[in-house]
Amino acid sequence: MPMDDGPITPALVIRTAQRVVTQHHEPTSGHRATGRCMQCRDHECGMLNWARGVLKARRLVGNRAKA
């Protein structure tokens, strides 16, 4: 399914953020392109920072709902 099909839902954003984090934490391998992305720089990655921010915001909202 092309990425342009359908609306961008909160669940899709969370799933994408989870995949970004997973990509950056899997060890690199000769047959898989993992561990880094095209936005990674020496000590920072904009995509990884975005993904962590999305997941942190979701976690904080979930913690408020439990209280």
PDB file of N, CA and C in Angstrom:
ATOM      1  N   MET A   1       0.845  -1.166   0.000  1.00  0.00           N
ATOM      2  CA  MET A   1       0.000   0.000   0.000  1.00  0.00           C
ATOM      3  C   MET A   1       0.898   1.239   0.000  1.00  0.00           C
ATOM      4  N   PRO A   2       0.671   2.167  -0.933  1.00  0.00           N
ATOM      5  CA  PRO A   2       1.447   3.405  -0.934  1.00  0.00           C
ATOM      6  C   PRO A   2       1.195   4.209   0.337  1.00  0.00           C
ATOM      7  N   MET A   3       2.198   4.934   0.771  1.00  0.00           N
ATOM      8  CA  MET A   3       2.076   5.697   2.009  1.00  0.00           C
ATOM      9  C   MET A   3       1.053   6.828   1.897  1.00  0.00           C
ATOM     10  N   ASP A   4       0.727   7.265   0.683  1.00  0.00           N
ATOM     11  CA  ASP A   4      -0.207   8.374   0.516  1.00  0.00           C
ATOM     12  C   ASP A   4      -1.665   7.949   0.618  1.00  0.00           C
ATOM     13  N   ASP A   5      -1.926   6.663   0.773  1.00  0.00           N
ATOM     14  CA  ASP A   5      -3.301   6.194   0.893  1.00  0.00           C
ATOM     15  C   ASP A   5      -3.777   6.317   2.324  1.00  0.00           C
ATOM     16  N   GLY A   6      -4.907   6.948   2.506  1.00  0.00           N
ATOM     17  CA  GLY A   6      -5.520   7.032   3.823  1.00  0.00           C
ATOM     18  C   GLY A   6      -5.002   8.180   4.658  1.00  0.00           C
ATOM     19  N   PRO A   7      -5.725   8.453   5.741  1.00  0.00           N
ATOM     20  CA  PRO A   7      -5.361   9.568   6.616  1.00  0.00           C
ATOM     21  C   PRO A   7      -4.186   9.223   7.533  1.00  0.00           C
ATOM     22  N   ILE A   8      -3.542  10.242   8.014  1.00  0.00           N
ATOM     23  CA  ILE A   8      -2.482  10.062   9.014  1.00  0.00           C
ATOM     24  C   ILE A   8      -3.170  10.032  10.368  1.00  0.00           C
ATOM     25  N   THR A   9      -3.128   8.902  11.006  1.00  0.00           N
ATOM     26  CA  THR A   9      -3.797   8.726  12.292  1.00  0.00           C
ATOM     27  C   THR A   9      -2.765   8.725  13.412  1.00  0.00           C
ATOM     28  N   PRO A  10      -3.186   8.958  14.646  1.00  0.00           N
ATOM     29  CA  PRO A  10      -2.246   8.869  15.767  1.00  0.00           C
ATOM     30  C   PRO A  10      -1.582   7.494  15.843  1.00  0.00           C
ATOM     31  N   ALA A  11      -2.308   6.454  15.541  1.00  0.00           N
ATOM     32  CA  ALA A  11      -1.735   5.103  15.574  1.00  0.00           C
ATOM     33  C   ALA A  11      -0.631   4.949  14.527  1.00  0.00           C
ATOM     34  N   LEU A  12      -0.818   5.533  13.346  1.00  0.00           N
ATOM     35  CA  LEU A  12       0.199   5.467  12.304  1.00  0.00           C
ATOM     36  C   LEU A  12       1.453   6.232  12.721  1.00  0.00           C
ATOM     37  N   VAL A  13       1.278   7.389  13.339  1.00  0.00           N
ATOM     38  CA  VAL A  13       2.422   8.184  13.801  1.00  0.00           C
ATOM     39  C   VAL A  13       3.202   7.413  14.866  1.00  0.00           C
ATOM     40  N   ILE A  14       2.500   6.787  15.789  1.00  0.00           N
ATOM     41  CA  ILE A  14       3.157   6.016  16.854  1.00  0.00           C
ATOM     42  C   ILE A  14       3.888   4.822  16.260  1.00  0.00           C
ATOM     43  N   ARG A  15       3.265   4.119  15.330  1.00  0.00           N
ATOM     44  CA  ARG A  15       3.900   2.959  14.695  1.00  0.00           C
ATOM     45  C   ARG A  15       5.164   3.380  13.952  1.00  0.00           C
ATOM     46  N   THR A  16       5.093   4.501  13.246  1.00  0.00           N
ATOM     47  CA  THR A  16       6.255   5.002  12.526  1.00  0.00           C
ATOM     48  C   THR A  16       7.370   5.369  13.494  1.00  0.00           C
ATOM     49  N   ALA A  17       7.036   6.021  14.590  1.00  0.00           N
ATOM     50  CA  ALA A  17       8.035   6.387  15.596  1.00  0.00           C
ATOM     51  C   ALA A  17       8.691   5.137  16.186  1.00  0.00           C
ATOM     52  N   GLN A  18       7.894   4.106  16.447  1.00  0.00           N
ATOM     53  CA  GLN A  18       8.447   2.858  16.982  1.00  0.00           C
ATOM     54  C   GLN A  18       9.415   2.221  15.993  1.00  0.00           C
ATOM     55  N   ARG A  19       9.095   2.247  14.705  1.00  0.00           N
ATOM     56  CA  ARG A  19       9.981   1.671  13.697  1.00  0.00           C
ATOM     57  C   ARG A  19      11.284   2.461  13.591  1.00  0.00           C
ATOM     58  N   VAL A  20      11.208   3.787  13.715  1.00  0.00           N
ATOM     59  CA  VAL A  20      12.416   4.613  13.661  1.00  0.00           C
ATOM     60  C   VAL A  20      13.342   4.257  14.828  1.00  0.00           C
ATOM     61  N   VAL A  21      12.772   4.141  16.018  1.00  0.00           N
ATOM     62  CA  VAL A  21      13.584   3.788  17.190  1.00  0.00           C
ATOM     63  C   VAL A  21      14.184   2.395  17.012  1.00  0.00           C
ATOM     64  N   THR A  22      13.389   1.450  16.542  1.00  0.00           N
ATOM     65  CA  THR A  22      13.885   0.084  16.319  1.00  0.00           C
ATOM     66  C   THR A  22      15.016   0.077  15.310  1.00  0.00           C
ATOM     67  N   GLN A  23      14.855   0.830  14.238  1.00  0.00           N
ATOM     68  CA  GLN A  23      15.895   0.887  13.206  1.00  0.00           C
ATOM     69  C   GLN A  23      17.217   1.363  13.787  1.00  0.00           C
ATOM     70  N   HIS A  24      17.160   2.312  14.680  1.00  0.00           N
ATOM     71  CA  HIS A  24      18.381   2.881  15.224  1.00  0.00           C
ATOM     72  C   HIS A  24      19.000   2.026  16.327  1.00  0.00           C
ATOM     73  N   HIS A  25      18.249   1.076  16.873  1.00  0.00           N
ATOM     74  CA  HIS A  25      18.782   0.258  17.951  1.00  0.00           C
ATOM     75  C   HIS A  25      19.163  -1.145  17.511  1.00  0.00           C
ATOM     76  N   GLU A  26      18.781  -1.548  16.307  1.00  0.00           N
ATOM     77  CA  GLU A  26      19.207  -2.840  15.786  1.00  0.00           C
ATOM     78  C   GLU A  26      20.642  -2.711  15.314  1.00  0.00           C
ATOM     79  N   PRO A  27      21.455  -3.727  15.558  1.00  0.00           N
ATOM     80  CA  PRO A  27      22.834  -3.663  15.086  1.00  0.00           C
ATOM     81  C   PRO A  27      22.886  -3.704  13.552  1.00  0.00           C
ATOM     82  N   THR A  28      23.853  -3.025  12.988  1.00  0.00           N
ATOM     83  CA  THR A  28      23.993  -3.036  11.539  1.00  0.00           C
ATOM     84  C   THR A  28      24.447  -4.414  11.081  1.00  0.00           C
ATOM     85  N   SER A  29      24.141  -4.712   9.861  1.00  0.00           N
ATOM     86  CA  SER A  29      24.444  -6.023   9.316  1.00  0.00           C
ATOM     87  C   SER A  29      24.717  -5.860   7.828  1.00  0.00           C
ATOM     88  N   GLY A  30      25.452  -6.785   7.261  1.00  0.00           N
ATOM     89  CA  GLY A  30      25.790  -6.708   5.841  1.00  0.00           C
ATOM     90  C   GLY A  30      24.600  -6.821   4.914  1.00  0.00           C
ATOM     91  N   HIS A  31      23.573  -7.552   5.314  1.00  0.00           N
ATOM     92  CA  HIS A  31      22.422  -7.748   4.435  1.00  0.00           C
ATOM     93  C   HIS A  31      21.212  -6.896   4.826  1.00  0.00           C
ATOM     94  N   ARG A  32      21.342  -6.092   5.894  1.00  0.00           N
ATOM     95  CA  ARG A  32      20.246  -5.203   6.292  1.00  0.00           C
ATOM     96  C   ARG A  32      20.802  -3.817   6.547  1.00  0.00           C
ATOM     97  N   ALA A  33      20.078  -2.827   6.106  1.00  0.00           N
ATOM     98  CA  ALA A  33      20.486  -1.441   6.339  1.00  0.00           C
ATOM     99  C   ALA A  33      19.823  -0.961   7.621  1.00  0.00           C
ATOM    100  N   THR A  34      20.441  -1.223   8.747  1.00  0.00           N
ATOM    101  CA  THR A  34      19.893  -0.797  10.033  1.00  0.00           C
ATOM    102  C   THR A  34      20.970  -0.073  10.823  1.00  0.00           C
ATOM    103  N   GLY A  35      20.562   0.514  11.918  1.00  0.00           N
ATOM    104  CA  GLY A  35      21.509   1.191  12.788  1.00  0.00           C
ATOM    105  C   GLY A  35      21.622   2.678  12.540  1.00  0.00           C
ATOM    106  N   ARG A  36      21.347   3.102  11.314  1.00  0.00           N
ATOM    107  CA  ARG A  36      21.416   4.513  10.962  1.00  0.00           C
ATOM    108  C   ARG A  36      20.394   4.797   9.875  1.00  0.00           C
ATOM    109  N   CYS A  37      20.122   6.068   9.653  1.00  0.00           N
ATOM    110  CA  CYS A  37      19.239   6.452   8.550  1.00  0.00           C
ATOM    111  C   CYS A  37      19.912   7.578   7.773  1.00  0.00           C
ATOM    112  N   MET A  38      19.251   8.055   6.751  1.00  0.00           N
ATOM    113  CA  MET A  38      19.837   9.106   5.910  1.00  0.00           C
ATOM    114  C   MET A  38      19.964  10.439   6.648  1.00  0.00           C
ATOM    115  N   GLN A  39      19.254  10.617   7.747  1.00  0.00           N
ATOM    116  CA  GLN A  39      19.333  11.868   8.498  1.00  0.00           C
ATOM    117  C   GLN A  39      20.332  11.800   9.644  1.00  0.00           C
ATOM    118  N   CYS A  40      20.916  10.654   9.886  1.00  0.00           N
ATOM    119  CA  CYS A  40      21.884  10.513  10.980  1.00  0.00           C
ATOM    120  C   CYS A  40      23.141  11.331  10.682  1.00  0.00           C
ATOM    121  N   ARG A  41      23.589  12.014  11.698  1.00  0.00           N
ATOM    122  CA  ARG A  41      24.856  12.735  11.634  1.00  0.00           C
ATOM    123  C   ARG A  41      25.759  12.125  12.696  1.00  0.00           C
ATOM    124  N   ASP A  42      26.906  12.699  12.927  1.00  0.00           N
ATOM    125  CA  ASP A  42      27.871  12.098  13.851  1.00  0.00           C
ATOM    126  C   ASP A  42      27.283  11.793  15.228  1.00  0.00           C
ATOM    127  N   HIS A  43      26.636  12.751  15.845  1.00  0.00           N
ATOM    128  CA  HIS A  43      26.138  12.534  17.209  1.00  0.00           C
ATOM    129  C   HIS A  43      24.660  12.871  17.356  1.00  0.00           C
ATOM    130  N   GLU A  44      23.930  12.943  16.249  1.00  0.00           N
ATOM    131  CA  GLU A  44      22.535  13.362  16.336  1.00  0.00           C
ATOM    132  C   GLU A  44      21.764  12.873  15.117  1.00  0.00           C
ATOM    133  N   CYS A  45      20.485  12.608  15.319  1.00  0.00           N
ATOM    134  CA  CYS A  45      19.611  12.225  14.213  1.00  0.00           C
ATOM    135  C   CYS A  45      18.257  12.907  14.413  1.00  0.00           C
ATOM    136  N   GLY A  46      17.835  13.684  13.446  1.00  0.00           N
ATOM    137  CA  GLY A  46      16.555  14.380  13.532  1.00  0.00           C
ATOM    138  C   GLY A  46      15.378  13.425  13.603  1.00  0.00           C
ATOM    139  N   MET A  47      15.420  12.339  12.846  1.00  0.00           N
ATOM    140  CA  MET A  47      14.324  11.356  12.872  1.00  0.00           C
ATOM    141  C   MET A  47      14.244  10.665  14.224  1.00  0.00           C
ATOM    142  N   LEU A  48      15.391  10.304  14.786  1.00  0.00           N
ATOM    143  CA  LEU A  48      15.393   9.631  16.084  1.00  0.00           C
ATOM    144  C   LEU A  48      14.908  10.585  17.178  1.00  0.00           C
ATOM    145  N   ASN A  49      15.309  11.830  17.118  1.00  0.00           N
ATOM    146  CA  ASN A  49      14.830  12.818  18.087  1.00  0.00           C
ATOM    147  C   ASN A  49      13.322  12.999  17.977  1.00  0.00           C
ATOM    148  N   TRP A  50      12.809  13.050  16.737  1.00  0.00           N
ATOM    149  CA  TRP A  50      11.366  13.167  16.530  1.00  0.00           C
ATOM    150  C   TRP A  50      10.639  11.956  17.122  1.00  0.00           C
ATOM    151  N   ALA A  51      11.126  10.757  16.814  1.00  0.00           N
ATOM    152  CA  ALA A  51      10.475   9.534  17.271  1.00  0.00           C
ATOM    153  C   ALA A  51      10.457   9.459  18.794  1.00  0.00           C
ATOM    154  N   ARG A  52      11.564   9.780  19.415  1.00  0.00           N
ATOM    155  CA  ARG A  52      11.607   9.759  20.886  1.00  0.00           C
ATOM    156  C   ARG A  52      10.630  10.774  21.471  1.00  0.00           C
ATOM    157  N   GLY A  53      10.518  11.942  20.843  1.00  0.00           N
ATOM    158  CA  GLY A  53       9.578  12.959  21.314  1.00  0.00           C
ATOM    159  C   GLY A  53       8.134  12.505  21.200  1.00  0.00           C
ATOM    160  N   VAL A  54       7.785  11.849  20.091  1.00  0.00           N
ATOM    161  CA  VAL A  54       6.422  11.339  19.895  1.00  0.00           C
ATOM    162  C   VAL A  54       6.102  10.291  20.956  1.00  0.00           C
ATOM    163  N   LEU A  55       7.012   9.348  21.166  1.00  0.00           N
ATOM    164  CA  LEU A  55       6.762   8.277  22.122  1.00  0.00           C
ATOM    165  C   LEU A  55       6.735   8.799  23.557  1.00  0.00           C
ATOM    166  N   LYS A  56       7.577   9.788  23.856  1.00  0.00           N
ATOM    167  CA  LYS A  56       7.570  10.374  25.198  1.00  0.00           C
ATOM    168  C   LYS A  56       6.253  11.108  25.456  1.00  0.00           C
ATOM    169  N   ALA A  57       5.779  11.868  24.464  1.00  0.00           N
ATOM    170  CA  ALA A  57       4.512  12.583  24.623  1.00  0.00           C
ATOM    171  C   ALA A  57       3.360  11.604  24.819  1.00  0.00           C
ATOM    172  N   ARG A  58       3.368  10.511  24.093  1.00  0.00           N
ATOM    173  CA  ARG A  58       2.322   9.493  24.248  1.00  0.00           C
ATOM    174  C   ARG A  58       2.367   8.879  25.639  1.00  0.00           C
ATOM    175  N   ARG A  59       3.563   8.596  26.111  1.00  0.00           N
ATOM    176  CA  ARG A  59       3.731   8.011  27.444  1.00  0.00           C
ATOM    177  C   ARG A  59       3.234   8.972  28.522  1.00  0.00           C
ATOM    178  N   LEU A  60       3.528  10.249  28.380  1.00  0.00           N
ATOM    179  CA  LEU A  60       3.097  11.239  29.362  1.00  0.00           C
ATOM    180  C   LEU A  60       1.579  11.375  29.378  1.00  0.00           C
ATOM    181  N   VAL A  61       0.957  11.345  28.202  1.00  0.00           N
ATOM    182  CA  VAL A  61      -0.509  11.412  28.130  1.00  0.00           C
ATOM    183  C   VAL A  61      -1.101  10.164  28.797  1.00  0.00           C
ATOM    184  N   GLY A  62      -0.516   9.014  28.538  1.00  0.00           N
ATOM    185  CA  GLY A  62      -0.992   7.784  29.157  1.00  0.00           C
ATOM    186  C   GLY A  62      -0.857   7.799  30.662  1.00  0.00           C
ATOM    187  N   ASN A  63       0.225   8.390  31.166  1.00  0.00           N
ATOM    188  CA  ASN A  63       0.422   8.478  32.622  1.00  0.00           C
ATOM    189  C   ASN A  63      -0.613   9.402  33.254  1.00  0.00           C
ATOM    190  N   ARG A  64      -0.970  10.493  32.567  1.00  0.00           N
ATOM    191  CA  ARG A  64      -1.989  11.418  33.097  1.00  0.00           C
ATOM    192  C   ARG A  64      -3.358  10.752  33.128  1.00  0.00           C
ATOM    193  N   ALA A  65      -3.629   9.908  32.151  1.00  0.00           N
ATOM    194  CA  ALA A  65      -4.930   9.238  32.088  1.00  0.00           C
ATOM    195  C   ALA A  65      -5.095   8.227  33.234  1.00  0.00           C
ATOM    196  N   LYS A  66      -3.996   7.644  33.694  1.00  0.00           N
ATOM    197  CA  LYS A  66      -4.047   6.669  34.780  1.00  0.00           C
ATOM    198  C   LYS A  66      -4.259   7.325  36.140  1.00  0.00           C
ATOM    199  N   ALA A  67      -3.876   8.581  36.262  1.00  0.00           N
ATOM    200  CA  ALA A  67      -3.938   9.267  37.558  1.00  0.00           C
ATOM    201  C   ALA A  67      -5.335   9.654  37.964  1.00  0.00           C
TER     202      ALA A  67
END
